[in-house]
Amino acid sequence: MNNANVGEAPRLLDPIEAGRRLSVSPVTLASWRCRGKGPSYVKIGGKVLYRAADLDAFVSAAVIDPTATAI
């Protein structure tokens, strides 16, 4: 078990910051949330927030390798 991050709060970004990080508008993020698409998010006190790690995972999942052989 890795205890390196015990006690550290995750970095949380609001939709404006998250949109900047993903190069999309906050409106796009809202649309994705309504459609069940896009990165994972949390709601705290009714406020939508994104964990930086979830944004990184979302980007990683969208990587397309043009050298991959199509089947």
PDB file of N, CA and C in Angstrom:
ATOM      1  N   MET A   1       0.845  -1.177   0.000  1.00  0.00           N
ATOM      2  CA  MET A   1       0.000   0.000   0.000  1.00  0.00           C
ATOM      3  C   MET A   1       0.887   1.235   0.000  1.00  0.00           C
ATOM      4  N   ASN A   2       0.560   2.200  -0.832  1.00  0.00           N
ATOM      5  CA  ASN A   2       1.348   3.414  -0.946  1.00  0.00           C
ATOM      6  C   ASN A   2       0.715   4.505  -0.099  1.00  0.00           C
ATOM      7  N   ASN A   3       1.406   4.960   0.915  1.00  0.00           N
ATOM      8  CA  ASN A   3       0.892   5.994   1.807  1.00  0.00           C
ATOM      9  C   ASN A   3       1.453   7.367   1.483  1.00  0.00           C
ATOM     10  N   ALA A   4       2.062   7.531   0.310  1.00  0.00           N
ATOM     11  CA  ALA A   4       2.705   8.795  -0.042  1.00  0.00           C
ATOM     12  C   ALA A   4       1.710   9.949  -0.106  1.00  0.00           C
ATOM     13  N   ASN A   5       0.465   9.677  -0.497  1.00  0.00           N
ATOM     14  CA  ASN A   5      -0.515  10.747  -0.661  1.00  0.00           C
ATOM     15  C   ASN A   5      -1.509  10.839   0.486  1.00  0.00           C
ATOM     16  N   VAL A   6      -1.284  10.102   1.557  1.00  0.00           N
ATOM     17  CA  VAL A   6      -2.200  10.133   2.691  1.00  0.00           C
ATOM     18  C   VAL A   6      -2.235  11.548   3.254  1.00  0.00           C
ATOM     19  N   GLY A   7      -3.422  12.070   3.433  1.00  0.00           N
ATOM     20  CA  GLY A   7      -3.582  13.397   4.005  1.00  0.00           C
ATOM     21  C   GLY A   7      -3.568  14.521   2.982  1.00  0.00           C
ATOM     22  N   GLU A   8      -3.198  14.219   1.741  1.00  0.00           N
ATOM     23  CA  GLU A   8      -3.193  15.247   0.710  1.00  0.00           C
ATOM     24  C   GLU A   8      -4.575  15.323   0.067  1.00  0.00           C
ATOM     25  N   ALA A   9      -5.114  16.525  -0.021  1.00  0.00           N
ATOM     26  CA  ALA A   9      -6.391  16.711  -0.701  1.00  0.00           C
ATOM     27  C   ALA A   9      -6.140  16.716  -2.209  1.00  0.00           C
ATOM     28  N   PRO A  10      -7.050  16.119  -2.984  1.00  0.00           N
ATOM     29  CA  PRO A  10      -6.862  16.143  -4.437  1.00  0.00           C
ATOM     30  C   PRO A  10      -7.004  17.567  -4.969  1.00  0.00           C
ATOM     31  N   ARG A  11      -6.293  17.862  -6.022  1.00  0.00           N
ATOM     32  CA  ARG A  11      -6.404  19.173  -6.664  1.00  0.00           C
ATOM     33  C   ARG A  11      -7.750  19.228  -7.362  1.00  0.00           C
ATOM     34  N   LEU A  12      -8.577  20.208  -6.992  1.00  0.00           N
ATOM     35  CA  LEU A  12      -9.911  20.360  -7.575  1.00  0.00           C
ATOM     36  C   LEU A  12      -9.953  21.611  -8.442  1.00  0.00           C
ATOM     37  N   LEU A  13     -10.552  21.490  -9.602  1.00  0.00           N
ATOM     38  CA  LEU A  13     -10.661  22.604 -10.533  1.00  0.00           C
ATOM     39  C   LEU A  13     -12.130  22.875 -10.826  1.00  0.00           C
ATOM     40  N   ASP A  14     -12.484  24.144 -10.938  1.00  0.00           N
ATOM     41  CA  ASP A  14     -13.848  24.486 -11.323  1.00  0.00           C
ATOM     42  C   ASP A  14     -13.971  24.304 -12.842  1.00  0.00           C
ATOM     43  N   PRO A  15     -15.192  24.396 -13.388  1.00  0.00           N
ATOM     44  CA  PRO A  15     -15.361  24.167 -14.829  1.00  0.00           C
ATOM     45  C   PRO A  15     -14.555  25.119 -15.718  1.00  0.00           C
ATOM     46  N   ILE A  16     -14.315  26.332 -15.266  1.00  0.00           N
ATOM     47  CA  ILE A  16     -13.511  27.259 -16.067  1.00  0.00           C
ATOM     48  C   ILE A  16     -12.070  26.763 -16.151  1.00  0.00           C
ATOM     49  N   GLU A  17     -11.503  26.401 -14.999  1.00  0.00           N
ATOM     50  CA  GLU A  17     -10.126  25.891 -14.977  1.00  0.00           C
ATOM     51  C   GLU A  17     -10.017  24.569 -15.733  1.00  0.00           C
ATOM     52  N   ALA A  18     -10.996  23.690 -15.525  1.00  0.00           N
ATOM     53  CA  ALA A  18     -10.985  22.393 -16.207  1.00  0.00           C
ATOM     54  C   ALA A  18     -11.097  22.581 -17.718  1.00  0.00           C
ATOM     55  N   GLY A  19     -11.953  23.501 -18.135  1.00  0.00           N
ATOM     56  CA  GLY A  19     -12.096  23.784 -19.559  1.00  0.00           C
ATOM     57  C   GLY A  19     -10.806  24.292 -20.172  1.00  0.00           C
ATOM     58  N   ARG A  20     -10.125  25.165 -19.454  1.00  0.00           N
ATOM     59  CA  ARG A  20      -8.829  25.655 -19.946  1.00  0.00           C
ATOM     60  C   ARG A  20      -7.845  24.504 -20.104  1.00  0.00           C
ATOM     61  N   ARG A  21      -7.847  23.623 -19.134  1.00  0.00           N
ATOM     62  CA  ARG A  21      -6.910  22.490 -19.153  1.00  0.00           C
ATOM     63  C   ARG A  21      -7.197  21.548 -20.322  1.00  0.00           C
ATOM     64  N   LEU A  22      -8.477  21.408 -20.683  1.00  0.00           N
ATOM     65  CA  LEU A  22      -8.866  20.512 -21.777  1.00  0.00           C
ATOM     66  C   LEU A  22      -9.060  21.239 -23.109  1.00  0.00           C
ATOM     67  N   SER A  23      -8.921  22.553 -23.110  1.00  0.00           N
ATOM     68  CA  SER A  23      -9.139  23.377 -24.309  1.00  0.00           C
ATOM     69  C   SER A  23     -10.572  23.278 -24.820  1.00  0.00           C
ATOM     70  N   VAL A  24     -11.524  23.256 -23.888  1.00  0.00           N
ATOM     71  CA  VAL A  24     -12.947  23.298 -24.228  1.00  0.00           C
ATOM     72  C   VAL A  24     -13.615  24.334 -23.329  1.00  0.00           C
ATOM     73  N   SER A  25     -14.807  24.751 -23.705  1.00  0.00           N
ATOM     74  CA  SER A  25     -15.512  25.747 -22.900  1.00  0.00           C
ATOM     75  C   SER A  25     -16.229  25.088 -21.721  1.00  0.00           C
ATOM     76  N   PRO A  26     -16.532  25.873 -20.691  1.00  0.00           N
ATOM     77  CA  PRO A  26     -17.346  25.351 -19.590  1.00  0.00           C
ATOM     78  C   PRO A  26     -18.718  24.868 -20.076  1.00  0.00           C
ATOM     79  N   VAL A  27     -19.232  25.471 -21.136  1.00  0.00           N
ATOM     80  CA  VAL A  27     -20.517  25.039 -21.705  1.00  0.00           C
ATOM     81  C   VAL A  27     -20.389  23.627 -22.274  1.00  0.00           C
ATOM     82  N   THR A  28     -19.266  23.342 -22.912  1.00  0.00           N
ATOM     83  CA  THR A  28     -19.024  21.991 -23.424  1.00  0.00           C
ATOM     84  C   THR A  28     -18.968  20.993 -22.279  1.00  0.00           C
ATOM     85  N   LEU A  29     -18.283  21.349 -21.202  1.00  0.00           N
ATOM     86  CA  LEU A  29     -18.228  20.463 -20.036  1.00  0.00           C
ATOM     87  C   LEU A  29     -19.627  20.209 -19.486  1.00  0.00           C
ATOM     88  N   ALA A  30     -20.455  21.252 -19.414  1.00  0.00           N
ATOM     89  CA  ALA A  30     -21.827  21.099 -18.919  1.00  0.00           C
ATOM     90  C   ALA A  30     -22.626  20.177 -19.839  1.00  0.00           C
ATOM     91  N   SER A  31     -22.444  20.328 -21.138  1.00  0.00           N
ATOM     92  CA  SER A  31     -23.131  19.472 -22.101  1.00  0.00           C
ATOM     93  C   SER A  31     -22.704  18.018 -21.929  1.00  0.00           C
ATOM     94  N   TRP A  32     -21.409  17.791 -21.767  1.00  0.00           N
ATOM     95  CA  TRP A  32     -20.920  16.433 -21.546  1.00  0.00           C
ATOM     96  C   TRP A  32     -21.511  15.844 -20.276  1.00  0.00           C
ATOM     97  N   ARG A  33     -21.586  16.644 -19.205  1.00  0.00           N
ATOM     98  CA  ARG A  33     -22.157  16.135 -17.944  1.00  0.00           C
ATOM     99  C   ARG A  33     -23.602  15.712 -18.149  1.00  0.00           C
ATOM    100  N   CYS A  34     -24.373  16.526 -18.862  1.00  0.00           N
ATOM    101  CA  CYS A  34     -25.791  16.222 -19.097  1.00  0.00           C
ATOM    102  C   CYS A  34     -25.969  14.955 -19.927  1.00  0.00           C
ATOM    103  N   ARG A  35     -25.010  14.684 -20.805  1.00  0.00           N
ATOM    104  CA  ARG A  35     -25.090  13.512 -21.681  1.00  0.00           C
ATOM    105  C   ARG A  35     -24.347  12.299 -21.128  1.00  0.00           C
ATOM    106  N   GLY A  36     -23.770  12.436 -19.935  1.00  0.00           N
ATOM    107  CA  GLY A  36     -23.038  11.318 -19.346  1.00  0.00           C
ATOM    108  C   GLY A  36     -21.710  11.055 -20.025  1.00  0.00           C
ATOM    109  N   LYS A  37     -21.149  12.074 -20.647  1.00  0.00           N
ATOM    110  CA  LYS A  37     -19.860  11.964 -21.343  1.00  0.00           C
ATOM    111  C   LYS A  37     -18.834  12.790 -20.578  1.00  0.00           C
ATOM    112  N   GLY A  38     -17.624  12.817 -21.102  1.00  0.00           N
ATOM    113  CA  GLY A  38     -16.595  13.685 -20.532  1.00  0.00           C
ATOM    114  C   GLY A  38     -15.943  13.110 -19.294  1.00  0.00           C
ATOM    115  N   PRO A  39     -15.111  13.932 -18.664  1.00  0.00           N
ATOM    116  CA  PRO A  39     -14.366  13.467 -17.487  1.00  0.00           C
ATOM    117  C   PRO A  39     -15.264  13.320 -16.265  1.00  0.00           C
ATOM    118  N   SER A  40     -14.834  12.479 -15.348  1.00  0.00           N
ATOM    119  CA  SER A  40     -15.535  12.331 -14.070  1.00  0.00           C
ATOM    120  C   SER A  40     -15.475  13.651 -13.320  1.00  0.00           C
ATOM    121  N   TYR A  41     -16.476  13.878 -12.477  1.00  0.00           N
ATOM    122  CA  TYR A  41     -16.510  15.110 -11.687  1.00  0.00           C
ATOM    123  C   TYR A  41     -17.116  14.810 -10.330  1.00  0.00           C
ATOM    124  N   VAL A  42     -16.969  15.759  -9.426  1.00  0.00           N
ATOM    125  CA  VAL A  42     -17.567  15.646  -8.098  1.00  0.00           C
ATOM    126  C   VAL A  42     -18.454  16.859  -7.869  1.00  0.00           C
ATOM    127  N   LYS A  43     -19.438  16.695  -7.013  1.00  0.00           N
ATOM    128  CA  LYS A  43     -20.273  17.824  -6.602  1.00  0.00           C
ATOM    129  C   LYS A  43     -20.126  17.972  -5.099  1.00  0.00           C
ATOM    130  N   ILE A  44     -19.682  19.124  -4.695  1.00  0.00           N
ATOM    131  CA  ILE A  44     -19.522  19.429  -3.277  1.00  0.00           C
ATOM    132  C   ILE A  44     -20.320  20.697  -3.005  1.00  0.00           C
ATOM    133  N   GLY A  45     -21.308  20.583  -2.150  1.00  0.00           N
ATOM    134  CA  GLY A  45     -22.148  21.739  -1.855  1.00  0.00           C
ATOM    135  C   GLY A  45     -22.850  22.273  -3.084  1.00  0.00           C
ATOM    136  N   GLY A  46     -23.179  21.394  -4.018  1.00  0.00           N
ATOM    137  CA  GLY A  46     -23.859  21.801  -5.241  1.00  0.00           C
ATOM    138  C   GLY A  46     -22.930  22.353  -6.308  1.00  0.00           C
ATOM    139  N   LYS A  47     -21.645  22.465  -6.003  1.00  0.00           N
ATOM    140  CA  LYS A  47     -20.677  23.015  -6.948  1.00  0.00           C
ATOM    141  C   LYS A  47     -19.985  21.877  -7.690  1.00  0.00           C
ATOM    142  N   VAL A  48     -19.923  21.977  -9.007  1.00  0.00           N
ATOM    143  CA  VAL A  48     -19.247  20.981  -9.832  1.00  0.00           C
ATOM    144  C   VAL A  48     -17.753  21.263  -9.822  1.00  0.00           C
ATOM    145  N   LEU A  49     -16.976  20.232  -9.515  1.00  0.00           N
ATOM    146  CA  LEU A  49     -15.517  20.338  -9.494  1.00  0.00           C
ATOM    147  C   LEU A  49     -14.920  19.120 -10.183  1.00  0.00           C
ATOM    148  N   TYR A  50     -13.750  19.308 -10.731  1.00  0.00           N
ATOM    149  CA  TYR A  50     -13.039  18.232 -11.412  1.00  0.00           C
ATOM    150  C   TYR A  50     -11.716  17.981 -10.712  1.00  0.00           C
ATOM    151  N   ARG A  51     -11.405  16.700 -10.472  1.00  0.00           N
ATOM    152  CA  ARG A  51     -10.095  16.351  -9.929  1.00  0.00           C
ATOM    153  C   ARG A  51      -9.095  16.372 -11.079  1.00  0.00           C
ATOM    154  N   ALA A  52      -7.934  16.958 -10.832  1.00  0.00           N
ATOM    155  CA  ALA A  52      -6.901  17.037 -11.866  1.00  0.00           C
ATOM    156  C   ALA A  52      -6.563  15.650 -12.398  1.00  0.00           C
ATOM    157  N   ALA A  53      -6.504  14.665 -11.525  1.00  0.00           N
ATOM    158  CA  ALA A  53      -6.179  13.297 -11.944  1.00  0.00           C
ATOM    159  C   ALA A  53      -7.236  12.744 -12.899  1.00  0.00           C
ATOM    160  N   ASP A  54      -8.508  13.101 -12.692  1.00  0.00           N
ATOM    161  CA  ASP A  54      -9.572  12.636 -13.588  1.00  0.00           C
ATOM    162  C   ASP A  54      -9.449  13.282 -14.967  1.00  0.00           C
ATOM    163  N   LEU A  55      -9.043  14.543 -15.003  1.00  0.00           N
ATOM    164  CA  LEU A  55      -8.836  15.208 -16.290  1.00  0.00           C
ATOM    165  C   LEU A  55      -7.677  14.557 -17.036  1.00  0.00           C
ATOM    166  N   ASP A  56      -6.606  14.246 -16.309  1.00  0.00           N
ATOM    167  CA  ASP A  56      -5.459  13.569 -16.926  1.00  0.00           C
ATOM    168  C   ASP A  56      -5.869  12.204 -17.476  1.00  0.00           C
ATOM    169  N   ALA A  57      -6.675  11.464 -16.720  1.00  0.00           N
ATOM    170  CA  ALA A  57      -7.139  10.146 -17.159  1.00  0.00           C
ATOM    171  C   ALA A  57      -8.028  10.266 -18.395  1.00  0.00           C
ATOM    172  N   PHE A  58      -8.872  11.290 -18.436  1.00  0.00           N
ATOM    173  CA  PHE A  58      -9.750  11.520 -19.581  1.00  0.00           C
ATOM    174  C   PHE A  58      -8.922  11.771 -20.839  1.00  0.00           C
ATOM    175  N   VAL A  59      -7.895  12.590 -20.715  1.00  0.00           N
ATOM    176  CA  VAL A  59      -7.022  12.873 -21.856  1.00  0.00           C
ATOM    177  C   VAL A  59      -6.278  11.607 -22.278  1.00  0.00           C
ATOM    178  N   SER A  60      -5.768  10.864 -21.323  1.00  0.00           N
ATOM    179  CA  SER A  60      -5.036   9.630 -21.641  1.00  0.00           C
ATOM    180  C   SER A  60      -5.923   8.626 -22.373  1.00  0.00           C
ATOM    181  N   ALA A  61      -7.187   8.552 -21.983  1.00  0.00           N
ATOM    182  CA  ALA A  61      -8.119   7.617 -22.619  1.00  0.00           C
ATOM    183  C   ALA A  61      -8.462   8.036 -24.050  1.00  0.00           C
ATOM    184  N   ALA A  62      -8.235   9.296 -24.386  1.00  0.00           N
ATOM    185  CA  ALA A  62      -8.576   9.800 -25.714  1.00  0.00           C
ATOM    186  C   ALA A  62      -7.414   9.721 -26.700  1.00  0.00           C
ATOM    187  N   VAL A  63      -6.274   9.220 -26.255  1.00  0.00           N
ATOM    188  CA  VAL A  63      -5.102   9.138 -27.127  1.00  0.00           C
ATOM    189  C   VAL A  63      -5.365   8.147 -28.254  1.00  0.00           C
ATOM    190  N   ILE A  64      -5.060   8.573 -29.463  1.00  0.00           N
ATOM    191  CA  ILE A  64      -5.192   7.719 -30.642  1.00  0.00           C
ATOM    192  C   ILE A  64      -3.794   7.507 -31.200  1.00  0.00           C
ATOM    193  N   ASP A  65      -3.404   6.254 -31.332  1.00  0.00           N
ATOM    194  CA  ASP A  65      -2.085   5.911 -31.859  1.00  0.00           C
ATOM    195  C   ASP A  65      -2.224   5.645 -33.354  1.00  0.00           C
ATOM    196  N   PRO A  66      -1.746   6.574 -34.189  1.00  0.00           N
ATOM    197  CA  PRO A  66      -1.914   6.389 -35.634  1.00  0.00           C
ATOM    198  C   PRO A  66      -1.090   5.231 -36.195  1.00  0.00           C
ATOM    199  N   THR A  67      -0.138   4.734 -35.414  1.00  0.00           N
ATOM    200  CA  THR A  67       0.672   3.616 -35.897  1.00  0.00           C
ATOM    201  C   THR A  67       0.081   2.267 -35.517  1.00  0.00           C
ATOM    202  N   ALA A  68      -0.992   2.283 -34.721  1.00  0.00           N
ATOM    203  CA  ALA A  68      -1.633   1.029 -34.321  1.00  0.00           C
ATOM    204  C   ALA A  68      -2.270   0.379 -35.548  1.00  0.00           C
ATOM    205  N   THR A  69      -2.166  -0.905 -35.625  1.00  0.00           N
ATOM    206  CA  THR A  69      -2.722  -1.644 -36.754  1.00  0.00           C
ATOM    207  C   THR A  69      -4.222  -1.824 -36.565  1.00  0.00           C
ATOM    208  N   ALA A  70      -4.990  -1.399 -37.550  1.00  0.00           N
ATOM    209  CA  ALA A  70      -6.444  -1.579 -37.509  1.00  0.00           C
ATOM    210  C   ALA A  70      -6.768  -3.037 -37.794  1.00  0.00           C
ATOM    211  N   ILE A  71      -7.760  -3.535 -37.088  1.00  0.00           N
ATOM    212  CA  ILE A  71      -8.170  -4.934 -37.283  1.00  0.00           C
ATOM    213  C   ILE A  71      -9.502  -4.971 -37.988  1.00  0.00           C
TER     214      ILE A  71
END
